[in-house]
Amino acid sequence: MTREKAPRRPRAETPKGFRDYFGAEVTERKAMLDAIAEVYHLHGFEALETSAVETVEALGKFLPDVDRPNEGVFAWQEEEKDWLALRYDLTAPLARVAAQYRNDLASPYRRYAMGPVWRNEKPGPGRFRQFYQCDADTVGAPSVAADAEICAMLANALERVGIPRGDYVVKVNNRKVLNGVMEVAGVLDPSDPSKFENERGIVLRAIDKIDRLGDAGVRLLLGEGRKDDSGDFTKGAGLSAEQAEVVMGFVSAKRASGAATVARLRELVGNSVLGAEGVNELETIATLLDAQGFGADRIELDPGVVRGLGYYTGPVFEAELTFEILDEKGNKRQFGSVSGGGRYDDLVKRFTGQAVPATGVSIGVDRLLAALRAKGRMGAEAAGPVVVTVMDRDRMSDYFAMAADLRNAGIRAEVYLGNPKQFGNQLKYADKRQSPIAVIQGSDEAARGVVVLKDLVLGAKIAENATLEEWKDRPAQREVARGDLVATVRQMLAEG
């Protein structure tokens, strides 16, 4: 007689590249997003929540010659019809919404959105396939006043969540200025944008590596090319030394004041009409921000901001945290960027065939949370609920009444719902829940109309190293009248 093989049990593990979030992490993220949403709402932006699933076509991905699209998205085919995918970001869904509801939405359309996005990419340390984004965008406003507003709102949001002035700076640059510089350098022909397209791509990628490679490494990529430490050679843009000097001048054009930076950029763009337009836009943004009280200590013009220049069509901005933290090796370094954005006037055009101006910003939620923890603004052990213990099973209604009284007073509370037979297990449970206080009432206490309140936080401290005087001054256990339960618990919580 053969025995049937037991069914294989599924492994209890998260999929590769994903993680679970518990208690305080979820609460902290929600509190941060709520605070940012308040700022966005105050600026007149409306909330938008789109489906987690979009068509692959709407996301801007194209089907390769394989069984399923595999270009960074989690995708599947809907009964041999459309390919669907988990959203890759919050910008592509906005473009679809702006096109789909263009006759119903006010124009300009100002929206903010917060939620998870998914990337079908190789995970790594601190790099997950699901993470949160927090975006704010204005669609339909051609004026750079919209860009200035986004920058101001970003600065206000950082301060609202606990990043003080002096610990951050929002840096502003403009793609048009770089295009003007490349025109002067001879790698952009306004009459034939397709000309020198390959060279411009190399230039953009090269200056994007300025932080890692330094001036010398970027100059090599602007010229004939660069060989790295492993011996791999990267072909350069083929610019002459004079052409490369013009491009490098753009990256290092920042001066002591915004006016001086603008003056230097005007020199660099020369007679380029597009470049002059970009410089004028930066000057306008600076003027509008200054009128609102945003000085260079909060928002500054910085041509050194190059990330995203290949994607954006006009102003670009990046929020950088300037305080120092210790890296994995114990070395001091600046925290770095937590947000980026800019103007992207071609995105909605994919749906409508008409150019629609748009600008926006995205905050890296996980990085901003990490920054707040580094500043000591988050990450402390979150207090759990007051736990009402169960001494007599037939008196559950009394225990629930106690918990209800505490909740009605705004105090987080719960009744222990495990097996009450071993009272010690109830206190262990309360400790695991980070509970500050345990409420105890047996039949004797009930007959006398009192409850016992056990200060679990203080009790743990006394068990460790409290002096006899501290113990006498603040006993870890109090007996109070049942009618004084709420007031005494509130007092004990206030005492910490």
Protein backbone atom coordinates (compact mmCIF):
# COMPACT_ATOMS: atom_id res chain seq x y z
CA MET A 1 0.00 0.00 0.00
CA THR A 2 1.53 3.29 -1.05
CA ARG A 3 1.20 6.36 1.13
CA GLU A 4 0.10 9.54 -0.57
CA LYS A 5 2.76 12.20 -0.60
CA ALA A 6 1.89 15.14 1.61
CA PRO A 7 1.27 18.33 -0.35
CA ARG A 8 4.21 20.68 -0.41
CA ARG A 9 3.77 23.63 1.91
CA PRO A 10 4.40 27.07 0.41
CA ARG A 11 7.48 28.89 1.66
CA ALA A 12 6.67 31.76 4.00
CA GLU A 13 8.92 34.37 2.42
CA THR A 14 8.58 37.66 0.57
CA PRO A 15 9.32 37.58 -3.17
CA LYS A 16 12.78 38.74 -4.18
CA GLY A 17 12.98 42.52 -4.39
CA PHE A 18 9.97 43.14 -2.14
CA ARG A 19 9.62 43.68 1.60
CA ASP A 20 7.02 43.94 4.34
CA TYR A 21 6.42 47.04 6.45
CA PHE A 22 5.23 46.89 10.04
CA GLY A 23 3.67 49.17 12.63
CA ALA A 24 5.81 52.27 13.09
CA GLU A 25 7.16 52.21 9.51
CA VAL A 26 3.65 52.33 8.06
CA THR A 27 2.51 54.95 10.57
CA GLU A 28 5.54 57.16 9.94
CA ARG A 29 5.10 57.01 6.18
CA LYS A 30 1.41 57.88 6.43
CA ALA A 31 2.13 60.80 8.75
CA MET A 32 4.77 62.14 6.35
CA LEU A 33 2.52 61.78 3.30
CA ASP A 34 -0.37 63.44 5.16
CA ALA A 35 1.89 66.39 6.02
CA ILE A 36 3.04 66.77 2.40
CA ALA A 37 -0.56 66.48 1.20
CA GLU A 38 -1.50 69.38 3.49
CA VAL A 39 1.10 71.57 1.80
CA TYR A 40 -0.01 70.56 -1.70
CA HIS A 41 -3.67 71.11 -0.79
CA LEU A 42 -2.82 74.52 0.65
CA HIS A 43 -1.32 75.47 -2.72
CA GLY A 44 -4.58 74.57 -4.47
CA PHE A 45 -3.58 71.14 -5.82
CA GLU A 46 -6.19 68.37 -5.97
CA ALA A 47 -5.66 64.74 -5.02
CA LEU A 48 -5.72 62.10 -7.77
CA GLU A 49 -5.68 58.35 -7.34
CA THR A 50 -5.28 56.24 -10.48
CA SER A 51 -5.40 52.49 -10.99
CA ALA A 52 -2.30 50.49 -10.14
CA VAL A 53 -2.67 48.91 -13.59
CA GLU A 54 -2.20 50.74 -16.91
CA THR A 55 -1.94 49.54 -20.47
CA VAL A 56 1.64 49.01 -21.58
CA GLU A 57 0.94 51.40 -24.43
CA ALA A 58 -0.07 54.15 -22.00
CA LEU A 59 3.12 53.64 -20.01
CA GLY A 60 5.15 54.35 -23.12
CA LYS A 61 6.63 50.85 -23.34
CA PHE A 62 6.71 48.98 -26.64
CA LEU A 63 6.43 45.24 -27.14
CA PRO A 64 9.75 43.65 -28.10
CA ASP A 65 9.95 40.48 -30.16
CA VAL A 66 9.46 38.21 -27.17
CA ASP A 67 6.49 36.52 -25.52
CA ARG A 68 5.90 39.38 -23.08
CA PRO A 69 7.21 42.91 -22.63
CA ASN A 70 10.18 42.96 -20.31
CA GLU A 71 11.41 46.52 -20.27
CA GLY A 72 11.24 47.33 -16.61
CA VAL A 73 7.52 46.68 -16.08
CA PHE A 74 5.53 43.79 -14.61
CA ALA A 75 3.23 43.03 -17.54
CA TRP A 76 0.77 40.40 -18.77
CA GLN A 77 -1.55 40.00 -21.73
CA GLU A 78 -5.30 40.30 -21.24
CA GLU A 79 -6.87 37.38 -23.17
CA GLU A 80 -4.79 37.96 -26.30
CA LYS A 81 -5.75 41.62 -26.33
CA ASP A 82 -4.05 44.53 -24.60
CA TRP A 83 -0.89 44.12 -22.61
CA LEU A 84 -1.38 45.45 -19.08
CA ALA A 85 1.27 46.39 -16.52
CA LEU A 86 1.66 47.59 -12.98
CA ARG A 87 2.34 51.31 -13.14
CA TYR A 88 6.00 52.23 -13.46
CA ASP A 89 5.61 55.76 -12.09
CA LEU A 90 2.88 58.32 -11.36
CA THR A 91 3.64 60.60 -14.32
CA ALA A 92 2.49 58.35 -17.17
CA PRO A 93 -0.93 57.79 -15.51
CA LEU A 94 -1.24 61.58 -15.14
CA ALA A 95 -0.60 62.06 -18.86
CA ARG A 96 -3.29 59.50 -19.64
CA VAL A 97 -5.77 61.18 -17.25
CA ALA A 98 -5.02 64.65 -18.65
CA ALA A 99 -5.73 63.39 -22.17
CA GLN A 100 -8.74 61.20 -21.29
CA TYR A 101 -10.57 63.85 -19.25
CA ARG A 102 -9.28 66.97 -20.99
CA ASN A 103 -12.81 68.26 -21.64
CA ASP A 104 -13.86 67.85 -18.01
CA LEU A 105 -10.79 69.02 -16.07
CA ALA A 106 -10.01 72.64 -15.31
CA SER A 107 -7.00 73.89 -17.22
CA PRO A 108 -4.37 74.22 -15.93
CA TYR A 109 -4.92 70.94 -14.07
CA ARG A 110 -3.08 70.82 -10.74
CA ARG A 111 -2.89 67.45 -9.05
CA TYR A 112 -0.89 65.50 -6.50
CA ALA A 113 -0.68 61.72 -6.22
CA MET A 114 0.89 59.34 -3.74
CA GLY A 115 1.22 55.60 -3.90
CA PRO A 116 3.32 52.55 -4.74
CA VAL A 117 4.94 51.97 -8.13
CA TRP A 118 6.58 48.81 -9.46
CA ARG A 119 9.82 48.27 -11.37
CA ASN A 120 10.71 44.93 -12.93
CA GLU A 121 14.40 45.48 -12.34
CA LYS A 122 17.19 43.63 -10.59
CA PRO A 123 16.91 44.32 -6.86
CA GLY A 124 19.89 45.25 -4.74
CA PRO A 125 20.76 46.55 -1.26
CA GLY A 126 18.13 49.17 -0.44
CA ARG A 127 16.69 48.87 -3.96
CA PHE A 128 13.26 47.30 -4.11
CA ARG A 129 10.84 46.48 -6.91
CA GLN A 130 7.99 48.22 -5.12
CA PHE A 131 8.35 51.64 -3.55
CA TYR A 132 6.36 54.78 -2.90
CA GLN A 133 6.32 57.96 -4.93
CA CYS A 134 4.82 61.32 -4.04
CA ASP A 135 4.22 63.62 -7.03
CA ALA A 136 2.75 67.05 -7.70
CA ASP A 137 2.25 68.36 -11.25
CA THR A 138 0.66 71.21 -13.17
CA VAL A 139 -0.57 70.36 -16.68
CA GLY A 140 -1.51 73.11 -19.12
CA ALA A 141 0.53 76.04 -17.77
CA PRO A 142 3.19 77.26 -20.24
CA SER A 143 4.53 79.98 -17.93
CA VAL A 144 7.58 79.21 -15.78
CA ALA A 145 5.55 80.70 -12.92
CA ALA A 146 4.26 77.11 -12.60
CA ASP A 147 7.85 75.88 -12.19
CA ALA A 148 8.56 78.55 -9.58
CA GLU A 149 5.45 77.48 -7.68
CA ILE A 150 6.53 73.82 -7.71
CA CYS A 151 9.95 74.79 -6.29
CA ALA A 152 8.36 76.91 -3.54
CA MET A 153 5.91 74.14 -2.69
CA LEU A 154 8.75 71.61 -2.51
CA ALA A 155 10.67 73.79 -0.05
CA ASN A 156 7.54 74.23 2.08
CA ALA A 157 6.88 70.48 2.05
CA LEU A 158 10.42 69.67 3.24
CA GLU A 159 10.08 72.10 6.12
CA ARG A 160 6.61 70.83 6.97
CA VAL A 161 7.85 67.25 7.46
CA GLY A 162 10.73 68.34 9.70
CA ILE A 163 13.71 69.32 7.51
CA PRO A 164 14.71 72.77 8.84
CA ARG A 165 16.13 75.60 6.78
CA GLY A 166 19.85 75.18 6.43
CA ASP A 167 19.51 71.42 6.10
CA TYR A 168 18.22 71.48 2.53
CA VAL A 169 18.48 73.45 -0.70
CA VAL A 170 16.35 73.27 -3.86
CA LYS A 171 18.60 73.68 -6.91
CA VAL A 172 17.22 74.94 -10.24
CA ASN A 173 18.68 74.56 -13.74
CA ASN A 174 17.29 74.67 -17.31
CA ARG A 175 17.66 72.25 -20.23
CA LYS A 176 17.28 75.10 -22.73
CA VAL A 177 20.41 76.76 -21.36
CA LEU A 178 22.40 73.56 -21.90
CA ASN A 179 21.01 73.28 -25.42
CA GLY A 180 22.16 76.84 -26.05
CA VAL A 181 25.61 75.96 -24.75
CA MET A 182 25.72 72.89 -27.03
CA GLU A 183 24.69 75.11 -29.93
CA VAL A 184 27.65 77.40 -29.16
CA ALA A 185 29.87 74.30 -28.82
CA GLY A 186 28.78 73.15 -32.28
CA VAL A 187 26.87 69.99 -31.35
CA LEU A 188 23.34 71.32 -31.88
CA ASP A 189 21.90 72.74 -35.09
CA PRO A 190 18.51 74.45 -34.46
CA SER A 191 17.58 74.03 -38.14
CA ASP A 192 18.20 70.26 -38.00
CA PRO A 193 17.62 68.84 -34.46
CA SER A 194 18.49 65.32 -35.61
CA LYS A 195 22.01 66.39 -36.51
CA PHE A 196 24.64 65.59 -33.84
CA GLU A 197 21.96 63.68 -31.89
CA ASN A 198 24.40 60.92 -30.96
CA GLU A 199 27.03 63.42 -29.79
CA ARG A 200 24.50 65.30 -27.67
CA GLY A 201 23.44 62.05 -26.02
CA ILE A 202 27.05 61.34 -25.07
CA VAL A 203 27.44 64.89 -23.74
CA LEU A 204 24.33 64.53 -21.56
CA ARG A 205 25.47 61.18 -20.16
CA ALA A 206 28.96 62.54 -19.57
CA ILE A 207 27.98 65.60 -17.55
CA ASP A 208 25.51 63.47 -15.58
CA LYS A 209 28.58 61.62 -14.23
CA ILE A 210 30.36 64.74 -12.96
CA ASP A 211 29.95 63.75 -9.30
CA ARG A 212 31.46 60.30 -9.86
CA LEU A 213 34.14 61.01 -12.47
CA GLY A 214 35.07 64.62 -11.71
CA ASP A 215 36.09 67.23 -14.28
CA ALA A 216 38.92 65.16 -15.74
CA GLY A 217 36.76 62.08 -16.35
CA VAL A 218 33.96 64.11 -17.94
CA ARG A 219 36.42 65.94 -20.21
CA LEU A 220 37.66 62.56 -21.48
CA LEU A 221 34.07 61.53 -22.31
CA LEU A 222 33.48 64.83 -24.06
CA GLY A 223 36.60 64.19 -26.11
CA GLU A 224 37.88 60.91 -27.53
CA GLY A 225 36.68 58.68 -24.72
CA ARG A 226 37.63 57.19 -21.37
CA LYS A 227 39.09 53.91 -20.19
CA ASP A 228 38.01 52.91 -16.68
CA ASP A 229 40.01 51.03 -14.04
CA SER A 230 38.90 47.67 -15.43
CA GLY A 231 40.19 48.56 -18.88
CA ASP A 232 36.76 49.03 -20.48
CA PHE A 233 36.69 51.89 -22.97
CA THR A 234 33.72 54.27 -23.38
CA LYS A 235 33.63 56.16 -26.66
CA GLY A 236 33.48 59.95 -26.25
CA ALA A 237 31.53 62.68 -28.03
CA GLY A 238 34.57 63.70 -30.08
CA LEU A 239 34.51 67.36 -29.05
CA SER A 240 37.62 69.47 -29.40
CA ALA A 241 39.26 70.94 -26.31
CA GLU A 242 37.63 74.31 -27.09
CA GLN A 243 34.17 72.74 -27.47
CA ALA A 244 34.59 70.74 -24.28
CA GLU A 245 35.60 73.92 -22.43
CA VAL A 246 32.28 75.54 -23.39
CA VAL A 247 30.31 72.58 -22.02
CA MET A 248 32.38 72.42 -18.83
CA GLY A 249 31.83 76.14 -18.37
CA PHE A 250 28.09 75.47 -18.15
CA VAL A 251 28.47 72.87 -15.39
CA SER A 252 30.65 75.22 -13.31
CA ALA A 253 28.71 78.44 -14.03
CA LYS A 254 27.31 78.87 -10.53
CA ARG A 255 28.36 82.12 -8.86
CA ALA A 256 27.90 83.68 -5.44
CA SER A 257 24.49 85.15 -6.32
CA GLY A 258 21.64 84.29 -8.66
CA ALA A 259 22.21 87.49 -10.63
CA ALA A 260 25.88 86.65 -11.14
CA THR A 261 24.98 83.11 -12.22
CA VAL A 262 22.50 84.46 -14.76
CA ALA A 263 25.13 86.87 -16.09
CA ARG A 264 27.65 84.03 -16.52
CA LEU A 265 25.07 81.88 -18.33
CA ARG A 266 24.31 84.73 -20.72
CA GLU A 267 28.00 84.80 -21.63
CA LEU A 268 28.01 81.04 -22.27
CA VAL A 269 24.92 80.88 -24.51
CA GLY A 270 26.18 83.73 -26.69
CA ASN A 271 23.83 84.35 -29.61
CA SER A 272 21.77 81.18 -29.13
CA VAL A 273 18.07 82.13 -29.14
CA LEU A 274 17.09 78.95 -27.29
CA GLY A 275 19.86 79.44 -24.73
CA ALA A 276 18.80 83.05 -24.10
CA GLU A 277 15.22 81.87 -23.61
CA GLY A 278 16.41 79.42 -20.96
CA VAL A 279 18.43 82.08 -19.15
CA ASN A 280 15.41 84.40 -19.15
CA GLU A 281 13.29 81.61 -17.67
CA LEU A 282 15.78 81.09 -14.85
CA GLU A 283 15.83 84.81 -14.17
CA THR A 284 12.02 84.91 -14.05
CA ILE A 285 11.91 81.94 -11.65
CA ALA A 286 14.43 83.65 -9.37
CA THR A 287 12.39 86.88 -9.38
CA LEU A 288 9.12 85.08 -8.56
CA LEU A 289 10.73 83.10 -5.74
CA ASP A 290 12.36 86.19 -4.30
CA ALA A 291 8.96 87.93 -4.22
CA GLN A 292 7.67 85.08 -2.02
CA GLY A 293 10.60 85.24 0.37
CA PHE A 294 12.54 82.26 -0.94
CA GLY A 295 16.18 83.32 -0.79
CA ALA A 296 19.28 81.44 -1.91
CA ASP A 297 19.40 79.73 1.49
CA ARG A 298 16.34 77.73 0.39
CA ILE A 299 16.24 77.78 -3.43
CA GLU A 300 19.18 78.62 -5.70
CA LEU A 301 20.12 78.64 -9.38
CA ASP A 302 22.71 75.93 -9.97
CA PRO A 303 23.79 74.85 -13.49
CA GLY A 304 25.53 71.92 -11.82
CA VAL A 305 22.17 70.13 -11.56
CA VAL A 306 22.37 67.77 -14.52
CA ARG A 307 20.29 64.77 -13.47
CA GLY A 308 17.24 64.45 -15.71
CA LEU A 309 18.40 66.92 -18.34
CA GLY A 310 17.92 64.26 -20.99
CA TYR A 311 14.23 63.91 -20.10
CA TYR A 312 13.08 67.42 -19.28
CA THR A 313 12.46 70.17 -21.82
CA GLY A 314 12.97 73.31 -19.70
CA PRO A 315 13.54 74.06 -16.00
CA VAL A 316 14.77 71.18 -13.83
CA PHE A 317 15.01 71.12 -10.06
CA GLU A 318 16.42 68.91 -7.37
CA ALA A 319 16.09 69.02 -3.58
CA GLU A 320 19.30 68.13 -1.79
CA LEU A 321 19.74 67.59 1.94
CA THR A 322 22.95 69.23 3.09
CA PHE A 323 23.47 67.73 6.54
CA GLU A 324 26.05 65.01 7.12
CA ILE A 325 25.43 61.38 8.00
CA LEU A 326 27.75 58.41 8.54
CA ASP A 327 27.90 55.85 5.73
CA GLU A 328 28.32 52.08 6.15
CA LYS A 329 32.06 52.53 6.69
CA GLY A 330 31.63 55.24 9.31
CA ASN A 331 32.72 58.06 6.99
CA LYS A 332 30.90 61.39 6.94
CA ARG A 333 29.02 62.34 3.79
CA GLN A 334 26.13 64.57 2.81
CA PHE A 335 22.75 62.87 2.68
CA GLY A 336 22.10 64.00 -0.90
CA SER A 337 19.05 64.24 -3.14
CA VAL A 338 15.52 63.35 -2.00
CA SER A 339 13.46 64.90 -4.79
CA GLY A 340 13.63 65.90 -8.42
CA GLY A 341 11.46 67.29 -11.16
CA GLY A 342 11.13 69.66 -14.07
CA ARG A 343 9.21 70.68 -17.16
CA TYR A 344 8.18 67.98 -19.63
CA ASP A 345 6.09 69.53 -22.38
CA ASP A 346 5.93 66.48 -24.67
CA LEU A 347 4.40 63.79 -22.48
CA VAL A 348 0.66 64.36 -23.02
CA LYS A 349 1.31 64.87 -26.75
CA ARG A 350 1.66 61.08 -27.10
CA PHE A 351 -2.10 60.79 -26.52
CA THR A 352 -3.51 63.93 -28.13
CA GLY A 353 -1.02 64.80 -30.85
CA GLN A 354 -0.92 68.32 -29.44
CA ALA A 355 1.83 69.74 -27.24
CA VAL A 356 0.59 70.28 -23.69
CA PRO A 357 2.89 72.10 -21.25
CA ALA A 358 3.49 70.33 -17.95
CA THR A 359 5.81 70.57 -14.97
CA GLY A 360 6.08 68.59 -11.77
CA VAL A 361 8.14 67.13 -8.97
CA SER A 362 8.52 63.71 -7.36
CA ILE A 363 9.64 63.16 -3.76
CA GLY A 364 11.51 59.97 -2.89
CA VAL A 365 9.41 58.83 0.05
CA ASP A 366 11.77 56.16 1.38
CA ARG A 367 14.81 58.45 1.14
CA LEU A 368 12.99 61.28 2.88
CA LEU A 369 11.92 58.92 5.66
CA ALA A 370 15.54 57.79 6.02
CA ALA A 371 16.58 61.45 6.25
CA LEU A 372 14.04 62.16 8.98
CA ARG A 373 15.28 59.15 10.92
CA ALA A 374 18.86 60.38 10.51
CA LYS A 375 17.78 63.72 11.97
CA GLY A 376 16.12 61.96 14.91
CA ARG A 377 12.66 63.12 13.80
CA MET A 378 11.42 59.56 13.30
CA GLY A 379 12.43 56.04 14.14
CA ALA A 380 11.98 56.11 17.92
CA GLU A 381 10.14 53.16 19.41
CA ALA A 382 6.45 53.92 18.94
CA ALA A 383 4.32 53.44 22.05
CA GLY A 384 1.79 50.68 21.76
CA PRO A 385 -1.76 50.67 23.17
CA VAL A 386 -2.73 50.49 26.83
CA VAL A 387 -3.51 46.81 27.43
CA VAL A 388 -6.49 45.89 29.60
CA THR A 389 -5.64 42.48 31.02
CA VAL A 390 -8.19 39.73 31.68
CA MET A 391 -8.32 38.22 35.17
CA ASP A 392 -11.85 36.76 35.07
CA ARG A 393 -13.24 35.47 31.77
CA ASP A 394 -16.83 36.02 32.88
CA ARG A 395 -16.16 39.76 33.34
CA MET A 396 -15.17 40.52 29.71
CA SER A 397 -17.87 43.20 29.45
CA ASP A 398 -16.21 45.13 32.30
CA TYR A 399 -12.83 44.97 30.56
CA PHE A 400 -14.30 46.11 27.25
CA ALA A 401 -16.01 48.99 29.09
CA MET A 402 -12.62 50.11 30.46
CA ALA A 403 -11.06 50.01 27.00
CA ALA A 404 -14.02 51.95 25.59
CA ASP A 405 -13.64 54.65 28.26
CA LEU A 406 -9.97 55.05 27.34
CA ARG A 407 -10.67 55.18 23.60
CA ASN A 408 -13.47 57.71 24.07
CA ALA A 409 -10.88 59.91 25.76
CA GLY A 410 -8.54 59.55 22.77
CA ILE A 411 -6.24 57.02 24.44
CA ARG A 412 -5.22 54.01 22.36
CA ALA A 413 -6.33 50.83 24.18
CA GLU A 414 -7.15 47.16 23.67
CA VAL A 415 -8.40 44.19 25.68
CA TYR A 416 -6.13 41.12 25.80
CA LEU A 417 -7.82 38.48 23.63
CA GLY A 418 -5.38 35.61 23.99
CA ASN A 419 -5.56 32.78 26.50
CA PRO A 420 -5.76 34.57 29.89
CA LYS A 421 -4.86 31.49 31.92
CA GLN A 422 -1.20 32.50 32.42
CA PHE A 423 -1.20 36.13 33.57
CA GLY A 424 2.54 36.41 32.95
CA ASN A 425 1.90 35.81 29.24
CA GLN A 426 -0.41 38.83 29.20
CA LEU A 427 2.37 41.08 30.48
CA LYS A 428 4.82 39.54 27.98
CA TYR A 429 2.28 40.34 25.27
CA ALA A 430 2.04 43.94 26.51
CA ASP A 431 5.84 44.23 26.41
CA LYS A 432 5.94 42.95 22.82
CA ARG A 433 3.30 45.51 21.90
CA GLN A 434 5.44 48.28 23.42
CA SER A 435 2.52 49.00 25.71
CA PRO A 436 3.15 51.81 28.23
CA ILE A 437 0.54 50.70 30.77
CA ALA A 438 -1.30 47.51 31.73
CA VAL A 439 -4.71 47.76 33.41
CA ILE A 440 -5.39 45.00 35.97
CA GLN A 441 -8.63 44.26 37.79
CA GLY A 442 -9.36 40.96 39.45
CA SER A 443 -12.45 40.05 41.47
CA ASP A 444 -10.96 41.59 44.64
CA GLU A 445 -10.22 44.92 42.93
CA ALA A 446 -13.67 44.87 41.29
CA ALA A 447 -15.35 44.37 44.68
CA ARG A 448 -13.47 47.41 46.03
CA GLY A 449 -14.16 49.50 42.91
CA VAL A 450 -10.48 50.00 42.00
CA VAL A 451 -8.08 49.10 39.23
CA VAL A 452 -4.33 48.53 39.28
CA LEU A 453 -2.25 50.41 36.71
CA LYS A 454 1.15 48.92 35.96
CA ASP A 455 3.64 51.38 34.39
CA LEU A 456 5.49 48.98 32.08
CA VAL A 457 8.01 51.55 30.83
CA LEU A 458 9.01 52.67 34.29
CA GLY A 459 8.93 49.09 35.51
CA ALA A 460 11.49 48.12 32.88
CA LYS A 461 13.70 51.06 33.87
CA ILE A 462 13.48 50.17 37.56
CA ALA A 463 14.38 46.58 36.76
CA GLU A 464 17.49 47.84 34.96
CA ASN A 465 19.10 50.57 37.03
CA ALA A 466 16.67 52.84 38.90
CA THR A 467 17.71 53.93 42.38
CA LEU A 468 15.66 53.24 45.52
CA GLU A 469 14.77 56.93 45.69
CA GLU A 470 13.42 56.86 42.12
CA TRP A 471 11.38 53.79 42.97
CA LYS A 472 9.87 55.48 46.04
CA ASP A 473 9.20 58.68 44.11
CA ARG A 474 7.45 56.97 41.23
CA PRO A 475 6.22 53.46 41.98
CA ALA A 476 5.73 51.33 38.87
CA GLN A 477 2.27 50.24 40.01
CA ARG A 478 -0.68 52.31 41.22
CA GLU A 479 -4.10 51.43 42.61
CA VAL A 480 -6.78 53.97 41.75
CA ALA A 481 -10.55 54.18 41.83
CA ARG A 482 -12.27 52.80 38.74
CA GLY A 483 -13.75 56.23 38.11
CA ASP A 484 -10.25 57.74 37.99
CA LEU A 485 -8.99 55.28 35.36
CA VAL A 486 -8.94 57.67 32.41
CA ALA A 487 -7.51 60.67 34.28
CA THR A 488 -4.74 58.60 35.89
CA VAL A 489 -3.76 56.86 32.64
CA ARG A 490 -3.60 60.25 30.90
CA GLN A 491 -1.39 61.58 33.73
CA MET A 492 0.93 58.57 33.58
CA LEU A 493 1.29 58.89 29.79
CA ALA A 494 2.11 62.61 30.18
CA GLU A 495 4.78 61.78 32.75
CA GLY A 496 6.37 59.52 30.14
